[in-house]
């Protein structure tokens, strides 16, 4: 029985590694595995995602209505930059440029607010989704 759980953990870890630049949901993993003919219980997916979150491999975010959680691959570098997330496709972009120092200084100096970049997510539309929407 223990080997069975290791198989699922490995499958989920591989999925997470292959989707480092996307938001991940338990339902998305479940649907992907089901489409591939892999039989897995949704509760098993949630359990392994929570373990990966506890280990620091993933970060967990709640949606605005707090009914669904999304996960993002965690990196030590994530504490130093903002994250942009496409609200259409879920792609995560790490805003790893010099403007971060300017943004942080402005927000702290003008608003007295220190950003927690590790947990930041700004939503909008990525370049690809904008182009798809324009060209239909």
C-alpha atoms as a PDB file:
ATOM      1  CA  UNK A   1       0.000   0.000   0.000  1.00  0.00           C
ATOM      2  CA  UNK A   2       2.871   2.376   0.772  1.00  0.00           C
ATOM      3  CA  UNK A   3       4.294   1.949  -2.759  1.00  0.00           C
ATOM      4  CA  UNK A   4       0.875   2.910  -4.179  1.00  0.00           C
ATOM      5  CA  UNK A   5       0.967   6.264  -2.384  1.00  0.00           C
ATOM      6  CA  UNK A   6       4.568   6.878  -3.498  1.00  0.00           C
ATOM      7  CA  UNK A   7       3.447   6.370  -7.107  1.00  0.00           C
ATOM      8  CA  UNK A   8       0.817   9.105  -6.755  1.00  0.00           C
ATOM      9  CA  UNK A   9       3.209  11.414  -4.937  1.00  0.00           C
ATOM     10  CA  UNK A  10       5.739  10.974  -7.749  1.00  0.00           C
ATOM     11  CA  UNK A  11       3.084  11.571 -10.426  1.00  0.00           C
ATOM     12  CA  UNK A  12       1.878  14.740  -8.710  1.00  0.00           C
ATOM     13  CA  UNK A  13       5.445  15.980  -8.118  1.00  0.00           C
ATOM     14  CA  UNK A  14       6.222  15.433 -11.819  1.00  0.00           C
ATOM     15  CA  UNK A  15       3.064  17.333 -12.795  1.00  0.00           C
ATOM     16  CA  UNK A  16       4.050  20.217 -10.494  1.00  0.00           C
ATOM     17  CA  UNK A  17       7.580  20.306 -11.932  1.00  0.00           C
ATOM     18  CA  UNK A  18       6.199  20.387 -15.484  1.00  0.00           C
ATOM     19  CA  UNK A  19       3.872  23.299 -14.627  1.00  0.00           C
ATOM     20  CA  UNK A  20       6.239  25.619 -12.730  1.00  0.00           C
ATOM     21  CA  UNK A  21       4.992  28.699 -14.561  1.00  0.00           C
ATOM     22  CA  UNK A  22       1.281  28.006 -14.152  1.00  0.00           C
ATOM     23  CA  UNK A  23      -1.188  28.071 -11.341  1.00  0.00           C
ATOM     24  CA  UNK A  24      -2.105  24.562 -10.325  1.00  0.00           C
ATOM     25  CA  UNK A  25      -5.367  23.295  -8.886  1.00  0.00           C
ATOM     26  CA  UNK A  26      -6.267  19.917  -7.460  1.00  0.00           C
ATOM     27  CA  UNK A  27      -9.179  19.724  -9.892  1.00  0.00           C
ATOM     28  CA  UNK A  28      -6.848  20.464 -12.817  1.00  0.00           C
ATOM     29  CA  UNK A  29      -4.450  17.702 -11.803  1.00  0.00           C
ATOM     30  CA  UNK A  30      -7.338  15.295 -11.248  1.00  0.00           C
ATOM     31  CA  UNK A  31      -8.821  16.074 -14.684  1.00  0.00           C
ATOM     32  CA  UNK A  32      -5.425  15.742 -16.379  1.00  0.00           C
ATOM     33  CA  UNK A  33      -4.733  12.375 -14.760  1.00  0.00           C
ATOM     34  CA  UNK A  34      -8.250  11.102 -15.492  1.00  0.00           C
ATOM     35  CA  UNK A  35      -7.869  12.090 -19.161  1.00  0.00           C
ATOM     36  CA  UNK A  36      -4.635  10.050 -19.247  1.00  0.00           C
ATOM     37  CA  UNK A  37      -6.401   7.030 -17.761  1.00  0.00           C
ATOM     38  CA  UNK A  38      -4.746   7.412 -14.355  1.00  0.00           C
ATOM     39  CA  UNK A  39      -7.224   6.547 -11.619  1.00  0.00           C
ATOM     40  CA  UNK A  40      -6.733   8.770  -8.600  1.00  0.00           C
ATOM     41  CA  UNK A  41      -9.009  10.100  -5.901  1.00  0.00           C
ATOM     42  CA  UNK A  42      -9.411  13.888  -5.704  1.00  0.00           C
ATOM     43  CA  UNK A  43      -8.782  13.726  -1.936  1.00  0.00           C
ATOM     44  CA  UNK A  44      -5.426  12.061  -2.670  1.00  0.00           C
ATOM     45  CA  UNK A  45      -4.480  14.950  -4.955  1.00  0.00           C
ATOM     46  CA  UNK A  46      -5.383  17.496  -2.264  1.00  0.00           C
ATOM     47  CA  UNK A  47      -3.448  15.553   0.370  1.00  0.00           C
ATOM     48  CA  UNK A  48      -0.287  15.442  -1.735  1.00  0.00           C
ATOM     49  CA  UNK A  49      -0.586  19.120  -2.717  1.00  0.00           C
ATOM     50  CA  UNK A  50      -0.883  20.020   0.967  1.00  0.00           C
ATOM     51  CA  UNK A  51       2.215  17.932   1.739  1.00  0.00           C
ATOM     52  CA  UNK A  52       4.159  19.686  -1.033  1.00  0.00           C
ATOM     53  CA  UNK A  53       2.980  23.013   0.401  1.00  0.00           C
ATOM     54  CA  UNK A  54       4.121  22.013   3.902  1.00  0.00           C
ATOM     55  CA  UNK A  55       7.508  20.978   2.455  1.00  0.00           C
ATOM     56  CA  UNK A  56       7.863  24.412   0.799  1.00  0.00           C
ATOM     57  CA  UNK A  57       7.698  23.113  -2.782  1.00  0.00           C
ATOM     58  CA  UNK A  58       4.389  24.909  -3.422  1.00  0.00           C
ATOM     59  CA  UNK A  59       2.644  28.055  -2.242  1.00  0.00           C
ATOM     60  CA  UNK A  60      -1.101  27.916  -1.698  1.00  0.00           C
ATOM     61  CA  UNK A  61      -3.469  30.734  -2.629  1.00  0.00           C
ATOM     62  CA  UNK A  62      -7.206  31.014  -2.059  1.00  0.00           C
ATOM     63  CA  UNK A  63      -9.451  32.507  -4.713  1.00  0.00           C
ATOM     64  CA  UNK A  64     -11.441  35.617  -3.883  1.00  0.00           C
ATOM     65  CA  UNK A  65     -14.447  33.563  -2.846  1.00  0.00           C
ATOM     66  CA  UNK A  66     -12.159  31.185  -0.872  1.00  0.00           C
ATOM     67  CA  UNK A  67     -13.946  28.140  -2.303  1.00  0.00           C
ATOM     68  CA  UNK A  68     -10.995  26.933  -4.346  1.00  0.00           C
ATOM     69  CA  UNK A  69      -7.265  26.940  -3.748  1.00  0.00           C
ATOM     70  CA  UNK A  70      -4.564  27.375  -6.319  1.00  0.00           C
ATOM     71  CA  UNK A  71      -0.962  26.357  -5.961  1.00  0.00           C
ATOM     72  CA  UNK A  72       2.198  27.854  -7.406  1.00  0.00           C
ATOM     73  CA  UNK A  73       5.685  26.404  -7.543  1.00  0.00           C
ATOM     74  CA  UNK A  74       7.736  28.050  -4.774  1.00  0.00           C
ATOM     75  CA  UNK A  75      11.247  29.335  -5.254  1.00  0.00           C
ATOM     76  CA  UNK A  76      13.520  31.108  -2.756  1.00  0.00           C
ATOM     77  CA  UNK A  77      13.839  33.910  -5.332  1.00  0.00           C
ATOM     78  CA  UNK A  78      10.064  34.506  -5.156  1.00  0.00           C
ATOM     79  CA  UNK A  79      10.511  36.525  -1.961  1.00  0.00           C
ATOM     80  CA  UNK A  80      12.239  39.252  -3.986  1.00  0.00           C
ATOM     81  CA  UNK A  81       9.773  39.879  -6.776  1.00  0.00           C
ATOM     82  CA  UNK A  82       6.106  40.241  -7.638  1.00  0.00           C
ATOM     83  CA  UNK A  83       4.121  37.637  -9.544  1.00  0.00           C
ATOM     84  CA  UNK A  84       1.846  38.344 -12.468  1.00  0.00           C
ATOM     85  CA  UNK A  85      -0.893  35.826 -13.165  1.00  0.00           C
ATOM     86  CA  UNK A  86      -2.944  35.605 -16.324  1.00  0.00           C
ATOM     87  CA  UNK A  87      -6.586  35.435 -15.324  1.00  0.00           C
ATOM     88  CA  UNK A  88      -7.407  33.581 -18.545  1.00  0.00           C
ATOM     89  CA  UNK A  89      -4.775  30.816 -18.859  1.00  0.00           C
ATOM     90  CA  UNK A  90      -3.283  30.860 -15.338  1.00  0.00           C
ATOM     91  CA  UNK A  91       0.305  31.453 -16.482  1.00  0.00           C
ATOM     92  CA  UNK A  92       2.568  32.867 -13.743  1.00  0.00           C
ATOM     93  CA  UNK A  93       5.190  35.442 -14.688  1.00  0.00           C
ATOM     94  CA  UNK A  94       7.951  36.245 -12.195  1.00  0.00           C
ATOM     95  CA  UNK A  95       8.547  40.004 -12.344  1.00  0.00           C
ATOM     96  CA  UNK A  96      12.284  39.732 -11.867  1.00  0.00           C
ATOM     97  CA  UNK A  97      13.446  43.134 -13.088  1.00  0.00           C
ATOM     98  CA  UNK A  98      15.019  46.312 -11.733  1.00  0.00           C
ATOM     99  CA  UNK A  99      11.655  48.041 -11.425  1.00  0.00           C
ATOM    100  CA  UNK A 100      11.018  46.033  -8.230  1.00  0.00           C
ATOM    101  CA  UNK A 101      13.368  48.263  -6.221  1.00  0.00           C
ATOM    102  CA  UNK A 102      11.560  51.355  -7.516  1.00  0.00           C
ATOM    103  CA  UNK A 103       8.110  49.884  -6.813  1.00  0.00           C
ATOM    104  CA  UNK A 104       9.076  48.733  -3.306  1.00  0.00           C
ATOM    105  CA  UNK A 105      10.693  52.093  -2.466  1.00  0.00           C
ATOM    106  CA  UNK A 106       7.654  54.019  -3.719  1.00  0.00           C
ATOM    107  CA  UNK A 107       5.119  51.904  -1.855  1.00  0.00           C
ATOM    108  CA  UNK A 108       7.130  52.018   1.375  1.00  0.00           C
ATOM    109  CA  UNK A 109       7.996  55.730   1.113  1.00  0.00           C
ATOM    110  CA  UNK A 110       4.673  57.079  -0.133  1.00  0.00           C
ATOM    111  CA  UNK A 111       2.257  54.668   1.494  1.00  0.00           C
ATOM    112  CA  UNK A 112       4.172  53.263   4.477  1.00  0.00           C
ATOM    113  CA  UNK A 113       3.447  49.740   3.267  1.00  0.00           C
ATOM    114  CA  UNK A 114       6.073  46.995   3.004  1.00  0.00           C
ATOM    115  CA  UNK A 115       5.289  44.458   0.296  1.00  0.00           C
ATOM    116  CA  UNK A 116       5.419  40.724   0.949  1.00  0.00           C
ATOM    117  CA  UNK A 117       6.585  39.776  -2.536  1.00  0.00           C
ATOM    118  CA  UNK A 118       6.656  36.050  -1.800  1.00  0.00           C
ATOM    119  CA  UNK A 119       2.864  36.052  -1.532  1.00  0.00           C
ATOM    120  CA  UNK A 120       2.131  38.623  -4.216  1.00  0.00           C
ATOM    121  CA  UNK A 121      -0.061  37.974  -7.220  1.00  0.00           C
ATOM    122  CA  UNK A 122      -1.215  40.694  -9.618  1.00  0.00           C
ATOM    123  CA  UNK A 123      -3.777  39.493 -12.126  1.00  0.00           C
ATOM    124  CA  UNK A 124      -4.297  40.533 -15.718  1.00  0.00           C
ATOM    125  CA  UNK A 125      -3.863  39.100 -19.212  1.00  0.00           C
ATOM    126  CA  UNK A 126      -0.607  37.693 -20.587  1.00  0.00           C
ATOM    127  CA  UNK A 127       0.643  38.695 -24.029  1.00  0.00           C
ATOM    128  CA  UNK A 128      -0.489  35.427 -25.641  1.00  0.00           C
ATOM    129  CA  UNK A 129      -4.043  35.665 -24.287  1.00  0.00           C
ATOM    130  CA  UNK A 130      -4.298  39.316 -25.340  1.00  0.00           C
ATOM    131  CA  UNK A 131      -3.268  38.338 -28.872  1.00  0.00           C
ATOM    132  CA  UNK A 132      -5.710  35.399 -28.954  1.00  0.00           C
ATOM    133  CA  UNK A 133      -8.545  37.646 -27.841  1.00  0.00           C
ATOM    134  CA  UNK A 134      -7.701  40.276 -30.473  1.00  0.00           C
ATOM    135  CA  UNK A 135      -7.438  37.768 -33.326  1.00  0.00           C
ATOM    136  CA  UNK A 136     -10.286  35.623 -32.124  1.00  0.00           C
END
